[in-house]
Amino acid sequence: MAMEDREQEREPLTESMQARETQVPLENPDDTGSSNSSNEDTTTEEMPTSPSLRGQARSQSRDEVEHLLLDPGAQRFPALTEDYNDLPTYPLRPSYKEYHFQLRPASRPVVFDGCPEDPHKPASVPIYQTATFQQPSSSEFGSYDYTRSGNPTRTALEKQVAMLEFAHAAFAFTTGMSALNCVTRLLKPGDCILLTEDIYGGMHRLVSRVTAMANVNVVFIPTWDLDAVEKAFHEHPNIRILHMETPSNPLMRITDIRAVADICHANGCLLTVDSTMMSPHLQQPLNHGADIVIHSMTKFFGGHSDTMGGVVAVATEELAKQISFFQNAEGTGLGPFDCWLFLRGIKTLAIRVERAQENAHAIAAFLKRQSVVKKLYYAGLEPRQDTMKLNEQAAKDFKIHMGQARGGGSVISFTTGSTTLSRCIVDSLHLYKLTVSFGSCNSLVEMPAYLSHASIPAEERTLPEDLIRLSIGIEDVNDLIDDLQKALLIATGKKLNEEPPLRKGLNLEAKKLMKNMTKPEAPSVHSHIKFKATPSRSMKKKKVKKLDVTEDLISLNIDKNHFKLAIAFITGVACSVAILSMKK
């Protein structure tokens, strides 16, 4: 079933719930009108409370519990208890697993009240920059006691992420890696974890160098091959977790979340999905059967490459209890100021993701036409009808992906067949910042084998060394394509460590002009000069190999201040063509 169809099945909020928006838990629409709906105890039980006040919620009416949800300051916890670890680390808050959205996807990140109990009704969630909180008495704990355990700003962020992911609860961590590491804490000595073969380098290092030290069996499999998944469950005992990425990073391999979830659950295994590549605006794995979804919030949630964080969203109360315990015990909860930065970033999540995805689709189409690009990896590019029979898997992957996501995202990878050529292309780009990570407003470029995935031993890597990964930003797509086109032109000329034919014989001024043209300049009035080299008679008789560029037509944007240099450049090109024809 397509993602849009599932969302249409969600019933609208009842009138009494609309006023409270995201602060009040909602009943499962499938249970509406059932014989249990009139039973007060059952109704309260259907209100997931995250790992907070579960016993207290059972003994109170729905109105009383809703009052506690809306006013965390009124919540009290006994200081004298048999097991201190049973005390919640944050106040009672609603589950969003069965939340009913009235709003369309683009509005959801924007319309959110993170502090409904604040009497001053701030438009932005305040930053609770404090380490400790005063307690009501010597025999009671209040809603918060220590920011390591919980903080109102962090609670607001975790509630909003849970809402966007349709999760029971979510937990914010200092980094994406600390979030992933917390999930591995669910494993015990003797357990086995299955992971997708094409996986982020940091996760590969974590499980192979750290998790494995706890006597956990680590096995990598092609999760996109369902037969291989089934086979792994027969070959390896005590499989506790299957962890995957879809699309994977960086080869964009597509895994059917629902199909793998069914296999996992039939074998008593948890399915965890790193959905960083998509963001919750494009993909919600919990809606397709996953038990846990992880994000590096450093990417799309922040969107500006200025803060670090991770988040774990879970589907059940039991998982919420375990994740919250490890978060508190290991002190990996995200600080209040970083939480506030992510709350601010989420407001523009939809518009940033959509613009970047539009740009990525255009750039993927551009790259697909380039002869220098040997293989293109992008989840959002539909195979052409005339090539579907030749590449049935690509057509199948596209159908699976579009059934569980709203687009291809904004990350593209491609190979050139030559590591030297790929390096030259990367070094010739100017608008694309050479750096790890993705999901920023700015476009980024890297070679994973030497940066983001360099920690994976060469013999264990499943990615080509000449692979280039582009993270497309929100700039004008024409500028991004221009920069790529110039880089391909320059790199192709350096392919054999010699100047390209069109650059031989150019005078010094023309060479300086070409060098300046590869650098971004301040906006100004431009003259658009287009020319096409016309071969001489001798060139027509003898086939002269053309420079490997995107089109026969070379388009140059030349500032009027450099008009004289442009004339020199054109003259140099004409001379080069003449010299070549004479030599031939």
Protein backbone atom coordinates (compact mmCIF):
# COMPACT_ATOMS: atom_id res chain seq x y z
CA MET A 1 0.00 0.00 0.00
CA ALA A 2 1.39 3.41 -0.94
CA MET A 3 2.39 5.79 1.81
CA GLU A 4 -0.26 8.34 0.83
CA ASP A 5 -3.00 5.69 1.07
CA ARG A 6 -1.99 4.76 4.61
CA GLU A 7 -2.05 8.38 5.70
CA GLN A 8 -5.51 8.87 4.25
CA GLU A 9 -6.72 6.01 6.44
CA ARG A 10 -5.89 8.00 9.57
CA GLU A 11 -9.07 9.51 11.00
CA PRO A 12 -9.10 13.25 11.81
CA LEU A 13 -8.76 14.51 15.35
CA THR A 14 -11.95 14.63 17.35
CA GLU A 15 -13.19 18.12 18.17
CA SER A 16 -12.26 17.76 21.83
CA MET A 17 -8.71 16.80 20.89
CA GLN A 18 -8.10 19.57 18.37
CA ALA A 19 -7.61 22.22 21.00
CA ARG A 20 -4.88 20.24 22.70
CA GLU A 21 -3.12 19.36 19.41
CA THR A 22 0.00 17.31 20.09
CA GLN A 23 -0.14 17.20 23.87
CA VAL A 24 -2.93 14.65 24.31
CA PRO A 25 -2.61 10.95 23.42
CA LEU A 26 -5.20 9.61 21.04
CA GLU A 27 -6.95 6.29 20.88
CA ASN A 28 -6.40 3.82 18.10
CA PRO A 29 -9.04 4.52 15.40
CA ASP A 30 -9.49 0.78 14.94
CA ASP A 31 -10.71 0.52 18.55
CA THR A 32 -13.27 3.31 18.26
CA GLY A 33 -16.73 2.08 19.18
CA SER A 34 -15.49 -1.23 20.55
CA SER A 35 -16.96 -2.81 23.65
CA ASN A 36 -13.85 -1.89 25.63
CA SER A 37 -14.15 1.82 24.97
CA SER A 38 -16.48 2.33 27.94
CA ASN A 39 -14.21 0.56 30.40
CA GLU A 40 -12.24 3.24 32.24
CA ASP A 41 -9.32 0.98 33.18
CA THR A 42 -8.96 -0.30 29.62
CA THR A 43 -9.17 3.20 28.19
CA THR A 44 -6.40 4.37 30.48
CA GLU A 45 -4.33 1.33 29.55
CA GLU A 46 -4.69 2.27 25.88
CA MET A 47 -3.06 5.61 26.71
CA PRO A 48 0.66 4.86 26.43
CA THR A 49 2.52 6.96 28.94
CA SER A 50 6.13 6.26 27.98
CA PRO A 51 8.18 4.97 30.94
CA SER A 52 6.52 7.39 33.37
CA LEU A 53 3.83 7.04 36.04
CA ARG A 54 2.47 3.82 34.51
CA GLY A 55 1.16 2.63 37.86
CA GLN A 56 -0.17 6.05 38.77
CA ALA A 57 -1.95 6.36 35.40
CA ARG A 58 -3.81 3.12 36.00
CA SER A 59 -5.26 4.43 39.25
CA GLN A 60 -6.44 7.76 37.83
CA SER A 61 -9.19 8.84 35.48
CA ARG A 62 -8.47 9.89 31.92
CA ASP A 63 -9.09 13.55 32.75
CA GLU A 64 -6.61 13.39 35.61
CA VAL A 65 -3.97 11.79 33.40
CA GLU A 66 -4.57 14.37 30.67
CA HIS A 67 -4.13 17.11 33.27
CA LEU A 68 -0.74 15.65 34.21
CA LEU A 69 0.24 15.51 30.55
CA LEU A 70 -0.60 19.19 30.09
CA ASP A 71 1.05 20.25 33.35
CA PRO A 72 4.25 18.26 33.99
CA GLY A 73 4.95 20.48 36.98
CA ALA A 74 2.06 18.83 38.82
CA GLN A 75 3.60 15.37 38.53
CA ARG A 76 5.13 13.87 41.67
CA PHE A 77 7.26 10.75 42.23
CA PRO A 78 7.91 9.17 45.64
CA ALA A 79 11.56 9.42 46.71
CA LEU A 80 11.23 6.32 48.88
CA THR A 81 10.91 3.34 46.53
CA GLU A 82 12.10 -0.25 46.46
CA ASP A 83 14.13 0.30 43.29
CA TYR A 84 15.40 3.78 42.48
CA ASN A 85 15.90 2.73 38.84
CA ASP A 86 12.14 2.32 38.49
CA LEU A 87 11.69 6.07 38.80
CA PRO A 88 11.11 7.82 35.45
CA THR A 89 13.84 10.05 34.09
CA TYR A 90 11.37 12.53 32.59
CA PRO A 91 7.72 13.50 33.09
CA LEU A 92 4.67 11.67 31.82
CA ARG A 93 4.17 12.43 28.13
CA PRO A 94 1.92 11.12 25.38
CA SER A 95 2.61 8.41 22.86
CA TYR A 96 2.33 9.38 19.21
CA LYS A 97 2.20 5.85 17.85
CA GLU A 98 -1.46 6.19 16.89
CA TYR A 99 -1.48 9.96 16.49
CA HIS A 100 -4.02 11.40 14.04
CA PHE A 101 -2.61 14.19 11.89
CA GLN A 102 -4.99 16.78 10.56
CA LEU A 103 -2.12 18.66 8.97
CA ARG A 104 -0.38 17.95 5.70
CA PRO A 105 3.29 16.86 5.79
CA ALA A 106 4.73 20.31 5.07
CA SER A 107 2.88 21.82 8.05
CA ARG A 108 3.72 19.17 10.62
CA PRO A 109 7.28 20.30 11.43
CA VAL A 110 6.07 23.89 11.86
CA VAL A 111 2.87 23.55 13.89
CA PHE A 112 3.98 22.32 17.28
CA ASP A 113 3.64 23.65 20.84
CA GLY A 114 6.58 22.33 22.81
CA CYS A 115 5.64 23.93 26.14
CA PRO A 116 1.85 24.01 26.54
CA GLU A 117 2.17 24.33 30.32
CA ASP A 118 4.14 27.60 30.15
CA PRO A 119 1.85 30.39 31.47
CA HIS A 120 3.57 32.97 29.24
CA LYS A 121 2.81 31.02 26.01
CA PRO A 122 6.14 31.66 24.25
CA ALA A 123 6.25 31.41 20.45
CA SER A 124 9.56 29.54 20.72
CA VAL A 125 10.42 26.84 23.25
CA PRO A 126 12.61 28.38 25.99
CA ILE A 127 16.12 27.10 26.61
CA TYR A 128 16.24 25.61 30.09
CA GLN A 129 19.97 26.13 30.50
CA THR A 130 20.23 24.57 33.92
CA ALA A 131 21.91 21.50 35.37
CA THR A 132 19.58 20.93 38.34
CA PHE A 133 15.95 21.49 39.36
CA GLN A 134 14.61 22.20 42.86
CA GLN A 135 12.50 19.37 44.34
CA PRO A 136 9.10 19.84 46.04
CA SER A 137 10.07 18.08 49.28
CA SER A 138 12.49 15.63 50.87
CA SER A 139 10.12 12.74 50.16
CA GLU A 140 9.14 13.56 46.57
CA PHE A 141 10.72 14.14 43.20
CA GLY A 142 9.32 16.69 40.77
CA SER A 143 9.11 16.43 36.98
CA TYR A 144 12.85 16.97 36.56
CA ASP A 145 15.80 16.72 38.91
CA TYR A 146 18.98 16.70 36.80
CA THR A 147 19.44 17.64 33.14
CA ARG A 148 21.37 14.45 32.42
CA SER A 149 18.13 12.60 33.19
CA GLY A 150 15.70 15.06 31.64
CA ASN A 151 15.22 18.67 30.63
CA PRO A 152 12.10 20.54 29.41
CA THR A 153 13.82 21.69 26.21
CA ARG A 154 14.90 18.13 25.44
CA THR A 155 11.41 16.83 26.22
CA ALA A 156 9.95 19.27 23.67
CA LEU A 157 12.36 18.05 20.99
CA GLU A 158 11.76 14.38 21.79
CA LYS A 159 7.98 14.85 21.68
CA GLN A 160 8.13 16.54 18.29
CA VAL A 161 10.36 13.87 16.77
CA ALA A 162 8.07 11.15 18.17
CA MET A 163 5.14 12.95 16.56
CA LEU A 164 6.87 13.19 13.16
CA GLU A 165 7.87 9.51 13.25
CA PHE A 166 4.57 8.17 14.69
CA ALA A 167 6.64 6.73 17.53
CA HIS A 168 5.66 5.71 21.03
CA ALA A 169 8.57 7.80 22.35
CA ALA A 170 11.81 9.36 21.13
CA PHE A 171 15.13 10.13 22.83
CA ALA A 172 17.69 12.76 21.84
CA PHE A 173 21.42 12.00 22.08
CA THR A 174 24.63 13.98 21.85
CA THR A 175 25.51 12.53 18.42
CA GLY A 176 24.17 10.10 15.86
CA MET A 177 26.82 7.61 16.96
CA SER A 178 25.76 7.79 20.61
CA ALA A 179 22.20 7.08 19.45
CA LEU A 180 23.38 4.04 17.46
CA ASN A 181 25.53 2.89 20.35
CA CYS A 182 22.54 3.04 22.71
CA VAL A 183 20.62 0.70 20.41
CA THR A 184 23.49 -1.82 20.53
CA ARG A 185 23.11 -1.85 24.34
CA LEU A 186 20.01 -3.97 23.79
CA LEU A 187 22.36 -6.82 22.86
CA LYS A 188 23.70 -9.30 25.41
CA PRO A 189 26.79 -11.53 25.24
CA GLY A 190 26.03 -14.41 22.91
CA ASP A 191 23.51 -12.43 20.84
CA CYS A 192 23.87 -11.87 17.11
CA ILE A 193 23.26 -8.68 15.14
CA LEU A 194 22.68 -8.66 11.38
CA LEU A 195 23.62 -5.51 9.47
CA THR A 196 23.23 -4.42 5.88
CA GLU A 197 26.46 -4.75 3.89
CA ASP A 198 26.41 -1.19 2.57
CA ILE A 199 26.44 0.71 5.83
CA TYR A 200 27.79 3.96 7.25
CA GLY A 201 31.47 3.66 8.12
CA GLY A 202 31.00 4.84 11.70
CA MET A 203 28.44 2.12 12.39
CA HIS A 204 30.70 -0.50 10.84
CA ARG A 205 33.52 0.60 13.15
CA LEU A 206 31.22 0.63 16.19
CA VAL A 207 29.90 -2.92 15.79
CA SER A 208 33.12 -4.50 14.53
CA ARG A 209 35.50 -2.84 17.00
CA VAL A 210 33.33 -2.12 20.05
CA THR A 211 30.13 -4.18 20.11
CA ALA A 212 32.01 -7.33 19.10
CA MET A 213 34.16 -6.97 22.25
CA ALA A 214 31.07 -7.86 24.30
CA ASN A 215 30.97 -11.32 22.68
CA VAL A 216 28.26 -10.26 20.22
CA ASN A 217 28.32 -11.97 16.82
CA VAL A 218 28.35 -9.34 14.03
CA VAL A 219 27.20 -10.47 10.57
CA PHE A 220 26.86 -8.35 7.43
CA ILE A 221 24.31 -9.41 4.82
CA PRO A 222 22.63 -7.90 1.72
CA THR A 223 19.33 -6.96 3.36
CA TRP A 224 17.86 -6.04 -0.03
CA ASP A 225 18.00 -9.76 -0.88
CA LEU A 226 15.14 -11.35 1.09
CA ASP A 227 16.46 -14.85 0.40
CA ALA A 228 19.77 -13.85 2.00
CA VAL A 229 17.89 -12.49 5.02
CA GLU A 230 15.96 -15.74 5.43
CA LYS A 231 19.15 -17.74 5.03
CA ALA A 232 20.92 -15.71 7.74
CA PHE A 233 18.22 -16.55 10.27
CA HIS A 234 18.73 -20.24 9.57
CA GLU A 235 22.52 -20.05 9.78
CA HIS A 236 23.02 -17.83 12.83
CA PRO A 237 21.47 -18.46 16.27
CA ASN A 238 20.34 -15.85 18.79
CA ILE A 239 19.74 -13.05 16.30
CA ARG A 240 18.43 -10.19 18.42
CA ILE A 241 18.63 -7.21 16.03
CA LEU A 242 18.66 -6.67 12.28
CA HIS A 243 19.97 -3.19 11.53
CA MET A 244 19.67 -1.65 8.09
CA GLU A 245 19.67 1.56 6.07
CA THR A 246 17.34 2.30 3.19
CA PRO A 247 18.44 3.92 1.01
CA SER A 248 21.87 2.76 2.15
CA ASN A 249 24.84 5.05 2.46
CA PRO A 250 26.44 5.57 -0.02
CA LEU A 251 25.29 3.07 -2.71
CA MET A 252 21.57 3.81 -2.28
CA ARG A 253 20.60 0.16 -1.99
CA ILE A 254 16.86 -0.24 -1.36
CA THR A 255 15.46 -2.67 1.22
CA ASP A 256 11.79 -3.50 1.60
CA ILE A 257 11.11 -2.45 5.20
CA ARG A 258 7.79 -4.26 5.53
CA ALA A 259 9.09 -7.54 4.09
CA VAL A 260 12.20 -7.56 6.30
CA ALA A 261 10.10 -6.58 9.34
CA ASP A 262 7.86 -9.59 8.76
CA ILE A 263 10.87 -11.92 8.59
CA CYS A 264 12.39 -10.39 11.74
CA HIS A 265 9.21 -10.60 13.80
CA ALA A 266 8.59 -14.18 12.71
CA ASN A 267 12.00 -14.99 14.21
CA GLY A 268 11.65 -12.93 17.39
CA CYS A 269 14.09 -10.28 16.18
CA LEU A 270 13.96 -6.47 16.38
CA LEU A 271 14.23 -4.41 13.19
CA THR A 272 16.14 -1.15 13.54
CA VAL A 273 16.35 1.30 10.64
CA ASP A 274 18.80 4.17 10.24
CA SER A 275 16.62 6.57 8.27
CA THR A 276 19.03 9.52 8.29
CA MET A 277 19.15 9.64 4.47
CA MET A 278 15.44 10.39 4.22
CA SER A 279 14.38 12.34 7.35
CA PRO A 280 10.88 11.78 8.78
CA HIS A 281 9.48 14.17 6.17
CA LEU A 282 10.11 11.59 3.45
CA GLN A 283 10.04 8.23 5.24
CA GLN A 284 8.61 6.82 8.48
CA PRO A 285 9.91 3.26 8.98
CA LEU A 286 7.80 2.62 12.09
CA ASN A 287 4.72 2.82 9.89
CA HIS A 288 6.14 -0.07 7.85
CA GLY A 289 6.86 -2.44 10.71
CA ALA A 290 10.22 -1.30 12.09
CA ASP A 291 10.67 -1.39 15.87
CA ILE A 292 13.28 1.36 16.17
CA VAL A 293 14.29 4.21 13.88
CA ILE A 294 17.52 6.16 14.30
CA HIS A 295 18.58 9.52 12.87
CA SER A 296 21.73 11.54 12.92
CA MET A 297 20.01 14.87 13.59
CA THR A 298 23.24 16.58 12.54
CA LYS A 299 22.03 16.16 8.97
CA PHE A 300 18.50 17.16 7.96
CA PHE A 301 17.06 18.03 11.38
CA GLY A 302 19.63 20.77 11.92
CA GLY A 303 20.21 21.48 8.25
CA HIS A 304 22.98 24.04 8.75
CA SER A 305 26.00 21.92 9.74
CA ASP A 306 26.27 23.81 13.01
CA THR A 307 25.21 21.34 15.69
CA MET A 308 25.47 17.62 16.42
CA GLY A 309 22.88 15.21 17.72
CA GLY A 310 21.10 11.91 17.25
CA VAL A 311 17.69 10.51 18.04
CA VAL A 312 16.18 7.08 18.69
CA ALA A 313 12.43 6.65 18.16
CA VAL A 314 10.78 3.45 19.39
CA ALA A 315 7.48 1.68 18.82
CA THR A 316 6.79 0.18 22.25
CA GLU A 317 6.77 0.99 25.94
CA GLU A 318 9.30 -1.74 26.77
CA LEU A 319 11.81 -0.39 24.28
CA ALA A 320 11.25 3.14 25.59
CA LYS A 321 12.10 1.99 29.12
CA GLN A 322 15.32 0.34 27.98
CA ILE A 323 16.53 3.21 25.79
CA SER A 324 15.73 5.85 28.43
CA PHE A 325 17.61 3.82 31.06
CA PHE A 326 20.78 3.59 28.96
CA GLN A 327 20.52 7.25 27.96
CA ASN A 328 20.43 8.28 31.63
CA ALA A 329 22.95 5.71 32.89
CA GLU A 330 25.57 6.60 30.27
CA GLY A 331 24.91 10.34 30.27
CA THR A 332 24.37 10.65 26.51
CA GLY A 333 21.31 12.92 26.57
CA LEU A 334 21.47 16.01 24.36
CA GLY A 335 22.07 19.38 26.04
CA PRO A 336 19.32 22.02 26.16
CA PHE A 337 20.94 24.54 23.80
CA ASP A 338 21.55 21.92 21.11
CA CYS A 339 17.96 20.73 21.58
CA TRP A 340 16.77 24.28 20.97
CA LEU A 341 18.86 24.53 17.78
CA PHE A 342 17.24 21.36 16.47
CA LEU A 343 13.76 22.61 17.40
CA ARG A 344 14.51 25.69 15.34
CA GLY A 345 15.93 23.65 12.45
CA ILE A 346 12.90 21.34 12.32
CA LYS A 347 10.64 24.30 11.51
CA THR A 348 12.23 24.52 8.04
CA LEU A 349 12.71 20.76 7.60
CA ALA A 350 10.02 20.28 4.97
CA ILE A 351 10.92 23.23 2.79
CA ARG A 352 14.65 22.42 2.90
CA VAL A 353 14.20 18.71 2.17
CA GLU A 354 11.80 19.33 -0.70
CA ARG A 355 13.98 21.99 -2.35
CA ALA A 356 17.11 19.85 -2.02
CA GLN A 357 15.25 16.84 -3.42
CA GLU A 358 14.08 18.83 -6.44
CA ASN A 359 17.64 19.95 -7.09
CA ALA A 360 18.94 16.41 -6.66
CA HIS A 361 16.51 15.01 -9.20
CA ALA A 362 17.64 17.56 -11.81
CA ILE A 363 21.32 16.92 -11.08
CA ALA A 364 20.83 13.14 -11.24
CA ALA A 365 19.21 13.55 -14.66
CA PHE A 366 22.16 15.71 -15.74
CA LEU A 367 24.74 13.20 -14.52
CA LYS A 368 22.92 10.33 -16.19
CA ARG A 369 23.65 11.93 -19.59
CA GLN A 370 27.39 12.25 -18.99
CA SER A 371 29.66 9.67 -20.60
CA VAL A 372 32.22 10.16 -17.83
CA VAL A 373 29.68 8.82 -15.30
CA LYS A 374 29.95 5.04 -15.41
CA LYS A 375 27.32 4.23 -12.79
CA LEU A 376 24.80 6.47 -11.07
CA TYR A 377 23.22 5.77 -7.68
CA TYR A 378 20.08 7.73 -6.82
CA ALA A 379 16.87 6.36 -5.33
CA GLY A 380 14.57 8.87 -7.00
CA LEU A 381 15.42 8.39 -10.67
CA GLU A 382 12.90 6.13 -12.36
CA PRO A 383 14.40 3.71 -14.91
CA ARG A 384 13.41 4.47 -18.48
CA GLN A 385 10.85 2.20 -20.07
CA ASP A 386 13.33 0.99 -22.69
CA THR A 387 15.87 -0.09 -20.05
CA MET A 388 13.53 -1.70 -17.51
CA LYS A 389 13.82 -5.13 -19.11
CA LEU A 390 17.60 -4.89 -19.06
CA ASN A 391 17.65 -3.83 -15.42
CA GLU A 392 14.65 -5.37 -13.72
CA GLN A 393 16.20 -4.92 -10.26
CA ALA A 394 16.42 -1.14 -10.69
CA ALA A 395 12.75 -1.00 -11.64
CA LYS A 396 11.84 -3.19 -8.68
CA ASP A 397 13.91 -1.08 -6.27
CA PHE A 398 12.30 2.11 -7.52
CA LYS A 399 8.83 0.67 -6.97
CA ILE A 400 9.70 -0.53 -3.44
CA HIS A 401 11.27 2.77 -2.48
CA MET A 402 8.42 4.91 -3.72
CA GLY A 403 6.01 2.66 -1.82
CA GLN A 404 7.70 3.49 1.49
CA ALA A 405 9.02 7.02 0.88
CA ARG A 406 7.97 10.33 -0.68
CA GLY A 407 10.93 10.76 -2.99
CA GLY A 408 14.55 9.96 -3.65
CA GLY A 409 16.06 12.39 -1.18
CA SER A 410 19.04 14.61 -1.93
CA VAL A 411 22.09 12.34 -1.85
CA ILE A 412 23.61 11.08 -5.12
CA SER A 413 26.61 8.85 -5.75
CA PHE A 414 28.38 8.01 -8.99
CA THR A 415 31.53 6.34 -10.30
CA THR A 416 33.87 7.34 -13.12
CA GLY A 417 35.97 4.20 -13.56
CA SER A 418 39.09 5.98 -12.36
CA THR A 419 40.08 7.04 -8.84
CA THR A 420 42.38 9.72 -10.30
CA LEU A 421 39.59 11.14 -12.43
CA SER A 422 37.17 11.13 -9.49
CA ARG A 423 39.69 12.98 -7.32
CA CYS A 424 40.18 15.55 -10.06
CA ILE A 425 36.42 16.14 -10.34
CA VAL A 426 36.10 16.59 -6.58
CA ASP A 427 39.07 18.97 -6.44
CA SER A 428 37.70 21.01 -9.36
CA LEU A 429 34.35 21.76 -7.71
CA HIS A 430 33.91 25.11 -6.00
CA LEU A 431 30.26 25.42 -4.94
CA TYR A 432 30.28 21.93 -3.41
CA LYS A 433 32.14 21.94 -0.12
CA LEU A 434 34.56 19.06 0.24
CA THR A 435 33.51 17.53 3.55
CA VAL A 436 31.88 14.52 5.18
CA SER A 437 28.22 14.49 6.21
CA PHE A 438 25.13 15.44 4.20
CA GLY A 439 21.75 17.11 4.66
CA SER A 440 23.05 20.68 4.88
CA CYS A 441 21.66 23.76 3.14
CA ASN A 442 24.97 23.84 1.29
CA SER A 443 25.88 21.27 -1.32
CA LEU A 444 28.68 18.93 -0.23
CA VAL A 445 30.98 16.47 -1.97
CA GLU A 446 33.29 13.68 -0.83
CA MET A 447 34.82 10.37 -1.82
CA PRO A 448 33.47 7.92 0.83
CA ALA A 449 36.38 5.48 0.54
CA TYR A 450 38.71 8.24 1.76
CA LEU A 451 36.46 10.14 4.18
CA SER A 452 33.12 8.97 5.63
CA HIS A 453 33.83 5.24 5.14
CA ALA A 454 37.62 5.29 5.47
CA SER A 455 37.40 3.52 8.84
CA ILE A 456 36.21 0.34 7.09
CA PRO A 457 39.21 -1.83 6.19
CA ALA A 458 39.78 -1.85 2.43
CA GLU A 459 39.26 -5.60 2.20
CA GLU A 460 35.86 -5.29 3.88
CA ARG A 461 34.52 -2.36 1.88
CA THR A 462 31.68 -2.98 -0.54
CA LEU A 463 31.95 0.41 -2.23
CA PRO A 464 34.17 1.38 -5.20
CA GLU A 465 37.20 3.56 -4.47
CA ASP A 466 36.32 5.94 -7.31
CA LEU A 467 32.85 6.60 -5.86
CA ILE A 468 31.86 10.27 -5.49
CA ARG A 469 29.01 11.22 -3.14
CA LEU A 470 27.12 14.46 -3.58
CA SER A 471 24.82 15.94 -0.95
CA ILE A 472 22.66 18.40 -2.81
CA GLY A 473 21.69 21.63 -1.05
CA ILE A 474 19.16 24.37 -1.65
CA GLU A 475 21.20 26.61 -3.97
CA ASP A 476 20.00 27.50 -7.46
CA VAL A 477 20.17 24.23 -9.35
CA ASN A 478 21.57 25.95 -12.46
CA ASP A 479 24.60 27.13 -10.49
CA LEU A 480 25.13 23.62 -9.15
CA ILE A 481 24.94 22.07 -12.62
CA ASP A 482 27.27 24.74 -14.04
CA ASP A 483 29.83 23.97 -11.36
CA LEU A 484 29.58 20.24 -12.07
CA GLN A 485 29.88 20.79 -15.81
CA LYS A 486 33.02 22.89 -15.42
CA ALA A 487 34.54 20.31 -13.06
CA LEU A 488 33.86 17.51 -15.56
CA LEU A 489 35.46 19.58 -18.32
CA ILE A 490 38.58 20.32 -16.28
CA ALA A 491 38.88 16.79 -14.89
CA THR A 492 38.51 15.16 -18.29
CA GLY A 493 41.34 17.29 -19.55
CA LYS A 494 43.54 16.08 -16.69
CA LYS A 495 42.54 12.48 -17.15
CA LEU A 496 45.86 11.47 -18.79
CA ASN A 497 47.95 14.04 -16.91
CA GLU A 498 47.99 16.34 -19.93
CA GLU A 499 46.11 19.40 -21.01
CA PRO A 500 42.90 18.81 -22.95
CA PRO A 501 43.08 19.47 -26.73
CA LEU A 502 41.13 22.72 -26.50
CA ARG A 503 43.60 24.09 -23.98
CA LYS A 504 46.78 23.47 -26.04
CA GLY A 505 48.29 26.57 -27.55
CA LEU A 506 46.22 29.01 -25.54
CA ASN A 507 47.97 32.24 -24.70
CA LEU A 508 48.62 33.21 -21.09
CA GLU A 509 45.65 35.58 -20.85
CA ALA A 510 43.24 32.94 -22.09
CA LYS A 511 44.58 30.43 -19.55
CA LYS A 512 44.11 32.94 -16.76
CA LEU A 513 40.55 33.51 -17.93
CA MET A 514 39.76 29.80 -17.86
CA LYS A 515 41.18 29.59 -14.34
CA ASN A 516 39.09 32.54 -13.18
CA MET A 517 35.94 31.15 -14.74
CA THR A 518 36.05 28.12 -12.48
CA LYS A 519 35.77 30.32 -9.41
CA PRO A 520 32.41 31.73 -8.26
CA GLU A 521 32.22 35.49 -8.59
CA ALA A 522 29.94 38.16 -7.18
CA PRO A 523 26.67 38.59 -9.12
CA SER A 524 26.94 41.05 -12.01
CA VAL A 525 25.59 41.67 -15.49
CA HIS A 526 26.74 38.84 -17.74
CA SER A 527 27.14 38.45 -21.45
CA HIS A 528 26.21 34.95 -22.57
CA ILE A 529 28.65 33.88 -25.24
CA LYS A 530 28.01 30.61 -26.97
CA PHE A 531 30.21 29.16 -29.64
CA LYS A 532 30.66 25.91 -31.46
CA ALA A 533 34.00 24.92 -32.89
CA THR A 534 33.65 24.35 -36.65
CA PRO A 535 35.99 21.66 -37.95
CA SER A 536 38.08 22.37 -41.05
CA ARG A 537 37.89 20.21 -44.18
CA SER A 538 40.82 18.10 -43.06
CA MET A 539 39.12 17.55 -39.71
CA LYS A 540 35.96 16.45 -41.48
CA LYS A 541 37.88 13.86 -43.45
CA LYS A 542 39.73 12.59 -40.39
CA LYS A 543 37.60 11.95 -37.35
CA VAL A 544 38.98 14.01 -34.50
CA LYS A 545 38.04 12.78 -31.04
CA LYS A 546 36.00 15.47 -29.34
CA LEU A 547 36.60 16.57 -25.78
CA ASP A 548 34.39 14.54 -23.45
CA VAL A 549 31.98 17.22 -22.27
CA THR A 550 28.27 17.18 -21.64
CA GLU A 551 27.23 18.74 -24.96
CA ASP A 552 28.97 19.68 -28.21
CA LEU A 553 27.98 23.22 -27.36
CA ILE A 554 30.13 24.85 -24.72
CA SER A 555 28.34 27.65 -22.86
CA LEU A 556 30.36 30.25 -20.98
CA ASN A 557 29.10 33.04 -18.69
CA ILE A 558 31.65 35.84 -19.02
CA ASP A 559 31.62 39.07 -17.03
CA LYS A 560 31.82 42.21 -19.16
CA ASN A 561 34.94 43.22 -17.26
CA HIS A 562 36.65 40.19 -18.85
CA PHE A 563 35.31 40.68 -22.35
CA LYS A 564 38.75 41.25 -23.84
CA LEU A 565 40.02 38.09 -22.19
CA ALA A 566 37.05 36.23 -23.62
CA ILE A 567 38.02 37.30 -27.13
CA ALA A 568 41.56 36.06 -26.46
CA PHE A 569 40.17 32.76 -25.23
CA ILE A 570 38.04 32.26 -28.34
CA THR A 571 40.99 33.14 -30.55
CA GLY A 572 43.13 30.61 -28.72
CA VAL A 573 40.51 27.91 -29.24
CA ALA A 574 40.37 28.62 -32.96
CA CYS A 575 44.15 28.39 -33.16
CA SER A 576 44.18 25.12 -31.28
CA VAL A 577 41.63 23.62 -33.64
CA ALA A 578 43.65 24.75 -36.64
CA ILE A 579 46.87 23.29 -35.21
CA LEU A 580 45.19 19.98 -34.49
CA SER A 581 43.81 19.74 -38.03
CA MET A 582 47.25 20.45 -39.52
CA LYS A 583 48.86 17.77 -37.34
CA LYS A 584 46.23 15.25 -38.38
